[in-house]
Amino acid sequence: MTGARSTAVTWSLSAAAAGVLLAGCSGSVSVGNSEPKLSSDKLATTVSEKLASTTGRPKPDITCPEDLVGKVGTTTRCTLTAADGSTLGVSVKVTSVDGEQINFDIKADDTASPAAN
């Protein structure tokens, strides 16, 4: 029975994360090169920090497979992984670029994928 309770808590964390991201989180990062690009690690950290500050919860485990190029309309997909191994897809879309500053919106998928058995 404890396993079911633990899973419910994790799913509600994922649902809370999705609700916050769906509400329209935005991020902004300054990069220091001629072609603005945000590394996948820095993007994952920024998304995780934004989610934590918005929800008041600990930073979730976010991974992003590729760098984010600072060109309006560019998108990438990141993944939020909950403690039980379930995942939630997160889309990141560049909304504007001002010199070295990349501004982007964050939106989570509507539903999480269960953990692989």
N, C-alpha and C. Protein backbone atom coordinates (compact mmCIF):
# COMPACT_ATOMS: atom_id res chain seq x y z
N MET A 1 0.83 -1.19 0.00
CA MET A 1 0.00 0.00 0.00
C MET A 1 0.87 1.25 0.00
N THR A 2 2.05 1.17 0.62
CA THR A 2 2.94 2.32 0.65
C THR A 2 3.36 2.71 -0.75
N GLY A 3 3.61 1.72 -1.62
CA GLY A 3 4.00 2.01 -2.99
C GLY A 3 2.94 2.82 -3.72
N ALA A 4 1.69 2.49 -3.52
CA ALA A 4 0.61 3.24 -4.17
C ALA A 4 0.57 4.67 -3.69
N ARG A 5 0.76 4.87 -2.39
CA ARG A 5 0.75 6.22 -1.83
C ARG A 5 1.92 7.03 -2.39
N SER A 6 3.10 6.41 -2.48
CA SER A 6 4.29 7.08 -3.00
C SER A 6 4.07 7.49 -4.45
N THR A 7 3.49 6.60 -5.24
CA THR A 7 3.23 6.91 -6.64
C THR A 7 2.24 8.06 -6.77
N ALA A 8 1.22 8.07 -5.94
CA ALA A 8 0.24 9.16 -5.99
C ALA A 8 0.89 10.50 -5.69
N VAL A 9 1.80 10.51 -4.73
CA VAL A 9 2.49 11.75 -4.38
C VAL A 9 3.34 12.21 -5.55
N THR A 10 4.06 11.28 -6.17
CA THR A 10 4.91 11.63 -7.31
C THR A 10 4.08 12.14 -8.47
N TRP A 11 2.96 11.47 -8.75
CA TRP A 11 2.11 11.92 -9.85
C TRP A 11 1.54 13.29 -9.58
N SER A 12 1.19 13.57 -8.31
CA SER A 12 0.65 14.90 -8.04
C SER A 12 1.74 15.95 -8.20
N LEU A 13 3.00 15.60 -7.91
CA LEU A 13 4.09 16.52 -8.15
C LEU A 13 4.21 16.78 -9.65
N SER A 14 4.11 15.71 -10.45
CA SER A 14 4.18 15.89 -11.90
C SER A 14 3.01 16.73 -12.40
N ALA A 15 1.84 16.48 -11.86
CA ALA A 15 0.67 17.26 -12.27
C ALA A 15 0.83 18.72 -11.88
N ALA A 16 1.37 18.96 -10.70
CA ALA A 16 1.60 20.34 -10.27
C ALA A 16 2.61 21.01 -11.18
N ALA A 17 3.65 20.28 -11.54
CA ALA A 17 4.66 20.83 -12.44
C ALA A 17 4.04 21.16 -13.79
N ALA A 18 3.21 20.26 -14.28
CA ALA A 18 2.57 20.50 -15.57
C ALA A 18 1.67 21.73 -15.51
N GLY A 19 0.92 21.86 -14.43
CA GLY A 19 0.03 23.01 -14.28
C GLY A 19 0.79 24.31 -14.30
N VAL A 20 1.90 24.35 -13.63
CA VAL A 20 2.70 25.57 -13.59
C VAL A 20 3.27 25.87 -14.97
N LEU A 21 3.80 24.85 -15.62
CA LEU A 21 4.39 25.08 -16.94
C LEU A 21 3.32 25.47 -17.96
N LEU A 22 2.17 24.86 -17.86
CA LEU A 22 1.10 25.19 -18.80
C LEU A 22 0.59 26.60 -18.59
N ALA A 23 0.78 27.12 -17.39
CA ALA A 23 0.31 28.47 -17.11
C ALA A 23 1.14 29.53 -17.84
N GLY A 24 2.25 29.15 -18.44
CA GLY A 24 3.00 30.08 -19.25
C GLY A 24 4.27 30.60 -18.63
N CYS A 25 5.11 29.70 -18.19
CA CYS A 25 6.41 30.12 -17.67
C CYS A 25 7.25 30.66 -18.81
N SER A 26 8.09 31.58 -18.48
CA SER A 26 9.03 32.12 -19.44
C SER A 26 10.40 32.15 -18.80
N GLY A 27 11.40 32.11 -19.62
CA GLY A 27 12.76 32.19 -19.13
C GLY A 27 13.54 33.14 -19.99
N SER A 28 14.69 33.53 -19.49
CA SER A 28 15.54 34.44 -20.22
C SER A 28 16.96 34.20 -19.77
N VAL A 29 17.87 34.08 -20.73
CA VAL A 29 19.26 33.80 -20.40
C VAL A 29 20.16 34.60 -21.32
N SER A 30 21.21 35.15 -20.75
CA SER A 30 22.22 35.87 -21.51
C SER A 30 23.35 34.92 -21.85
N VAL A 31 23.76 34.90 -23.08
CA VAL A 31 24.88 34.07 -23.52
C VAL A 31 25.95 34.96 -24.10
N GLY A 32 27.18 34.48 -24.13
CA GLY A 32 28.26 35.37 -24.52
C GLY A 32 28.98 35.02 -25.80
N ASN A 33 28.28 34.78 -26.88
CA ASN A 33 28.97 34.59 -28.16
C ASN A 33 28.18 35.25 -29.28
N SER A 34 28.78 35.32 -30.46
CA SER A 34 28.15 36.06 -31.56
C SER A 34 26.85 35.43 -32.04
N GLU A 35 26.76 34.12 -32.08
CA GLU A 35 25.50 33.45 -32.41
C GLU A 35 24.92 32.94 -31.09
N PRO A 36 23.90 33.62 -30.58
CA PRO A 36 23.37 33.20 -29.28
C PRO A 36 22.94 31.73 -29.30
N LYS A 37 23.43 31.01 -28.34
CA LYS A 37 23.08 29.60 -28.19
C LYS A 37 23.19 29.27 -26.72
N LEU A 38 22.20 28.56 -26.22
CA LEU A 38 22.18 28.15 -24.82
C LEU A 38 22.45 26.66 -24.77
N SER A 39 23.47 26.25 -24.02
CA SER A 39 23.81 24.83 -23.94
C SER A 39 22.66 24.04 -23.35
N SER A 40 22.59 22.77 -23.70
CA SER A 40 21.51 21.92 -23.19
C SER A 40 21.55 21.83 -21.67
N ASP A 41 22.74 21.80 -21.08
CA ASP A 41 22.86 21.74 -19.62
C ASP A 41 22.34 23.01 -18.96
N LYS A 42 22.72 24.17 -19.51
CA LYS A 42 22.27 25.45 -18.96
C LYS A 42 20.75 25.60 -19.14
N LEU A 43 20.23 25.15 -20.27
CA LEU A 43 18.79 25.20 -20.51
C LEU A 43 18.06 24.35 -19.48
N ALA A 44 18.53 23.13 -19.25
CA ALA A 44 17.90 22.24 -18.26
C ALA A 44 17.92 22.87 -16.87
N THR A 45 19.05 23.47 -16.51
CA THR A 45 19.17 24.12 -15.21
C THR A 45 18.20 25.30 -15.09
N THR A 46 18.11 26.11 -16.14
CA THR A 46 17.22 27.27 -16.14
C THR A 46 15.75 26.85 -16.02
N VAL A 47 15.35 25.84 -16.79
CA VAL A 47 13.97 25.35 -16.74
C VAL A 47 13.67 24.80 -15.34
N SER A 48 14.60 24.03 -14.77
CA SER A 48 14.42 23.46 -13.45
C SER A 48 14.30 24.56 -12.38
N GLU A 49 15.17 25.56 -12.46
CA GLU A 49 15.12 26.67 -11.49
C GLU A 49 13.82 27.46 -11.62
N LYS A 50 13.38 27.70 -12.84
CA LYS A 50 12.14 28.45 -13.06
C LYS A 50 10.95 27.69 -12.47
N LEU A 51 10.93 26.39 -12.70
CA LEU A 51 9.84 25.57 -12.17
C LEU A 51 9.86 25.57 -10.64
N ALA A 52 11.04 25.42 -10.05
CA ALA A 52 11.15 25.41 -8.59
C ALA A 52 10.71 26.74 -7.99
N SER A 53 11.11 27.84 -8.60
CA SER A 53 10.74 29.15 -8.06
C SER A 53 9.24 29.42 -8.21
N THR A 54 8.64 28.88 -9.25
CA THR A 54 7.22 29.09 -9.48
C THR A 54 6.36 28.24 -8.55
N THR A 55 6.80 27.00 -8.26
CA THR A 55 6.00 26.09 -7.45
C THR A 55 6.36 26.12 -5.97
N GLY A 56 7.56 26.61 -5.64
CA GLY A 56 8.01 26.58 -4.25
C GLY A 56 8.47 25.19 -3.84
N ARG A 57 8.67 24.31 -4.80
CA ARG A 57 9.13 22.94 -4.54
C ARG A 57 10.60 22.82 -4.94
N PRO A 58 11.23 21.71 -4.55
CA PRO A 58 12.62 21.50 -4.96
C PRO A 58 12.75 21.44 -6.48
N LYS A 59 13.94 21.73 -6.97
CA LYS A 59 14.18 21.70 -8.41
C LYS A 59 13.97 20.28 -8.94
N PRO A 60 13.14 20.14 -9.98
CA PRO A 60 12.92 18.82 -10.57
C PRO A 60 14.09 18.43 -11.47
N ASP A 61 14.16 17.14 -11.77
CA ASP A 61 15.18 16.61 -12.67
C ASP A 61 14.74 16.88 -14.11
N ILE A 62 15.42 17.81 -14.77
CA ILE A 62 15.12 18.17 -16.16
C ILE A 62 16.32 17.83 -17.03
N THR A 63 16.08 17.23 -18.18
CA THR A 63 17.15 16.99 -19.15
C THR A 63 16.71 17.56 -20.50
N CYS A 64 17.65 18.14 -21.21
CA CYS A 64 17.39 18.68 -22.54
C CYS A 64 18.45 18.07 -23.47
N PRO A 65 18.03 17.48 -24.57
CA PRO A 65 18.96 16.74 -25.43
C PRO A 65 19.82 17.60 -26.36
N GLU A 66 19.45 18.86 -26.52
CA GLU A 66 20.20 19.69 -27.47
C GLU A 66 20.26 21.13 -27.01
N ASP A 67 21.23 21.86 -27.57
CA ASP A 67 21.35 23.29 -27.28
C ASP A 67 20.16 24.03 -27.87
N LEU A 68 19.86 25.18 -27.31
CA LEU A 68 18.78 26.03 -27.82
C LEU A 68 19.41 27.18 -28.60
N VAL A 69 19.16 27.23 -29.89
CA VAL A 69 19.69 28.29 -30.74
C VAL A 69 18.83 29.53 -30.58
N GLY A 70 19.48 30.68 -30.44
CA GLY A 70 18.78 31.94 -30.22
C GLY A 70 18.22 32.53 -31.50
N LYS A 71 17.20 31.88 -32.03
CA LYS A 71 16.50 32.35 -33.22
C LYS A 71 15.01 32.23 -32.93
N VAL A 72 14.27 33.32 -33.09
CA VAL A 72 12.84 33.33 -32.78
C VAL A 72 12.14 32.17 -33.49
N GLY A 73 11.34 31.45 -32.73
CA GLY A 73 10.59 30.32 -33.26
C GLY A 73 11.28 28.98 -33.07
N THR A 74 12.57 28.98 -32.73
CA THR A 74 13.28 27.73 -32.50
C THR A 74 12.69 27.02 -31.29
N THR A 75 12.52 25.71 -31.40
CA THR A 75 11.98 24.93 -30.29
C THR A 75 12.89 23.75 -29.98
N THR A 76 12.77 23.27 -28.77
CA THR A 76 13.42 22.03 -28.37
C THR A 76 12.54 21.36 -27.34
N ARG A 77 12.77 20.09 -27.11
CA ARG A 77 11.99 19.32 -26.13
C ARG A 77 12.90 18.88 -25.00
N CYS A 78 12.46 19.10 -23.79
CA CYS A 78 13.16 18.65 -22.60
C CYS A 78 12.25 17.64 -21.90
N THR A 79 12.80 16.97 -20.89
CA THR A 79 12.03 15.98 -20.15
C THR A 79 12.17 16.20 -18.66
N LEU A 80 11.04 16.22 -17.96
CA LEU A 80 11.01 16.25 -16.50
C LEU A 80 10.82 14.81 -16.05
N THR A 81 11.71 14.31 -15.19
CA THR A 81 11.60 12.95 -14.68
C THR A 81 11.27 13.01 -13.20
N ALA A 82 10.15 12.39 -12.82
CA ALA A 82 9.70 12.36 -11.42
C ALA A 82 10.45 11.27 -10.67
N ALA A 83 10.34 11.28 -9.35
CA ALA A 83 11.03 10.32 -8.49
C ALA A 83 10.68 8.87 -8.82
N ASP A 84 9.45 8.62 -9.29
CA ASP A 84 9.05 7.24 -9.60
C ASP A 84 9.43 6.82 -11.02
N GLY A 85 10.11 7.71 -11.75
CA GLY A 85 10.55 7.39 -13.10
C GLY A 85 9.58 7.82 -14.19
N SER A 86 8.40 8.31 -13.81
CA SER A 86 7.47 8.82 -14.82
C SER A 86 8.07 10.09 -15.42
N THR A 87 7.67 10.40 -16.64
CA THR A 87 8.25 11.55 -17.33
C THR A 87 7.16 12.47 -17.87
N LEU A 88 7.54 13.73 -18.02
CA LEU A 88 6.65 14.74 -18.56
C LEU A 88 7.45 15.52 -19.59
N GLY A 89 6.97 15.58 -20.81
CA GLY A 89 7.64 16.34 -21.85
C GLY A 89 7.45 17.83 -21.65
N VAL A 90 8.50 18.59 -21.94
CA VAL A 90 8.47 20.03 -21.78
C VAL A 90 8.99 20.67 -23.07
N SER A 91 8.18 21.54 -23.67
CA SER A 91 8.59 22.26 -24.88
C SER A 91 9.14 23.62 -24.51
N VAL A 92 10.22 24.00 -25.18
CA VAL A 92 10.82 25.31 -24.98
C VAL A 92 10.85 25.99 -26.33
N LYS A 93 10.33 27.23 -26.41
CA LYS A 93 10.27 27.96 -27.68
C LYS A 93 10.83 29.36 -27.50
N VAL A 94 11.77 29.71 -28.37
CA VAL A 94 12.37 31.04 -28.33
C VAL A 94 11.33 32.06 -28.78
N THR A 95 11.10 33.08 -27.92
CA THR A 95 10.11 34.10 -28.24
C THR A 95 10.74 35.38 -28.75
N SER A 96 11.97 35.66 -28.30
CA SER A 96 12.68 36.83 -28.78
C SER A 96 14.16 36.71 -28.44
N VAL A 97 14.97 37.46 -29.18
CA VAL A 97 16.40 37.50 -28.94
C VAL A 97 16.80 38.96 -28.98
N ASP A 98 17.48 39.41 -27.93
CA ASP A 98 17.93 40.79 -27.85
C ASP A 98 19.44 40.77 -27.61
N GLY A 99 20.21 40.85 -28.68
CA GLY A 99 21.65 40.74 -28.57
C GLY A 99 22.02 39.34 -28.14
N GLU A 100 22.58 39.22 -26.92
CA GLU A 100 22.95 37.92 -26.39
C GLU A 100 21.88 37.31 -25.49
N GLN A 101 20.78 38.02 -25.30
CA GLN A 101 19.69 37.58 -24.42
C GLN A 101 18.69 36.74 -25.21
N ILE A 102 18.50 35.49 -24.78
CA ILE A 102 17.51 34.60 -25.40
C ILE A 102 16.32 34.51 -24.45
N ASN A 103 15.14 34.89 -24.93
CA ASN A 103 13.91 34.80 -24.15
C ASN A 103 13.09 33.64 -24.69
N PHE A 104 12.52 32.84 -23.79
CA PHE A 104 11.78 31.67 -24.24
C PHE A 104 10.61 31.36 -23.33
N ASP A 105 9.62 30.66 -23.89
CA ASP A 105 8.47 30.17 -23.14
C ASP A 105 8.65 28.68 -22.90
N ILE A 106 8.06 28.22 -21.80
CA ILE A 106 8.14 26.82 -21.40
C ILE A 106 6.71 26.29 -21.30
N LYS A 107 6.45 25.13 -21.93
CA LYS A 107 5.11 24.52 -21.85
C LYS A 107 5.26 23.02 -21.71
N ALA A 108 4.57 22.48 -20.71
CA ALA A 108 4.60 21.03 -20.47
C ALA A 108 3.48 20.33 -21.23
N ASP A 109 3.69 19.05 -21.49
CA ASP A 109 2.65 18.23 -22.07
C ASP A 109 1.48 18.13 -21.09
N ASP A 110 0.32 17.77 -21.60
CA ASP A 110 -0.87 17.66 -20.75
C ASP A 110 -0.82 16.46 -19.81
N THR A 111 -0.17 15.38 -20.22
CA THR A 111 -0.13 14.18 -19.38
C THR A 111 1.29 13.63 -19.30
N ALA A 112 1.57 12.98 -18.17
CA ALA A 112 2.87 12.35 -17.95
C ALA A 112 2.85 10.94 -18.51
N SER A 113 4.02 10.42 -18.82
CA SER A 113 4.17 9.03 -19.25
C SER A 113 4.58 8.21 -18.03
N PRO A 114 3.97 7.06 -17.83
CA PRO A 114 4.34 6.25 -16.66
C PRO A 114 5.76 5.73 -16.78
N ALA A 115 6.33 5.37 -15.64
CA ALA A 115 7.69 4.83 -15.60
C ALA A 115 7.72 3.49 -16.33
N ALA A 116 8.84 3.20 -16.97
CA ALA A 116 9.03 1.89 -17.60
C ALA A 116 9.20 0.84 -16.51
N ASN A 117 8.63 -0.32 -16.72
CA ASN A 117 8.73 -1.39 -15.70
C ASN A 117 10.00 -2.14 -15.80
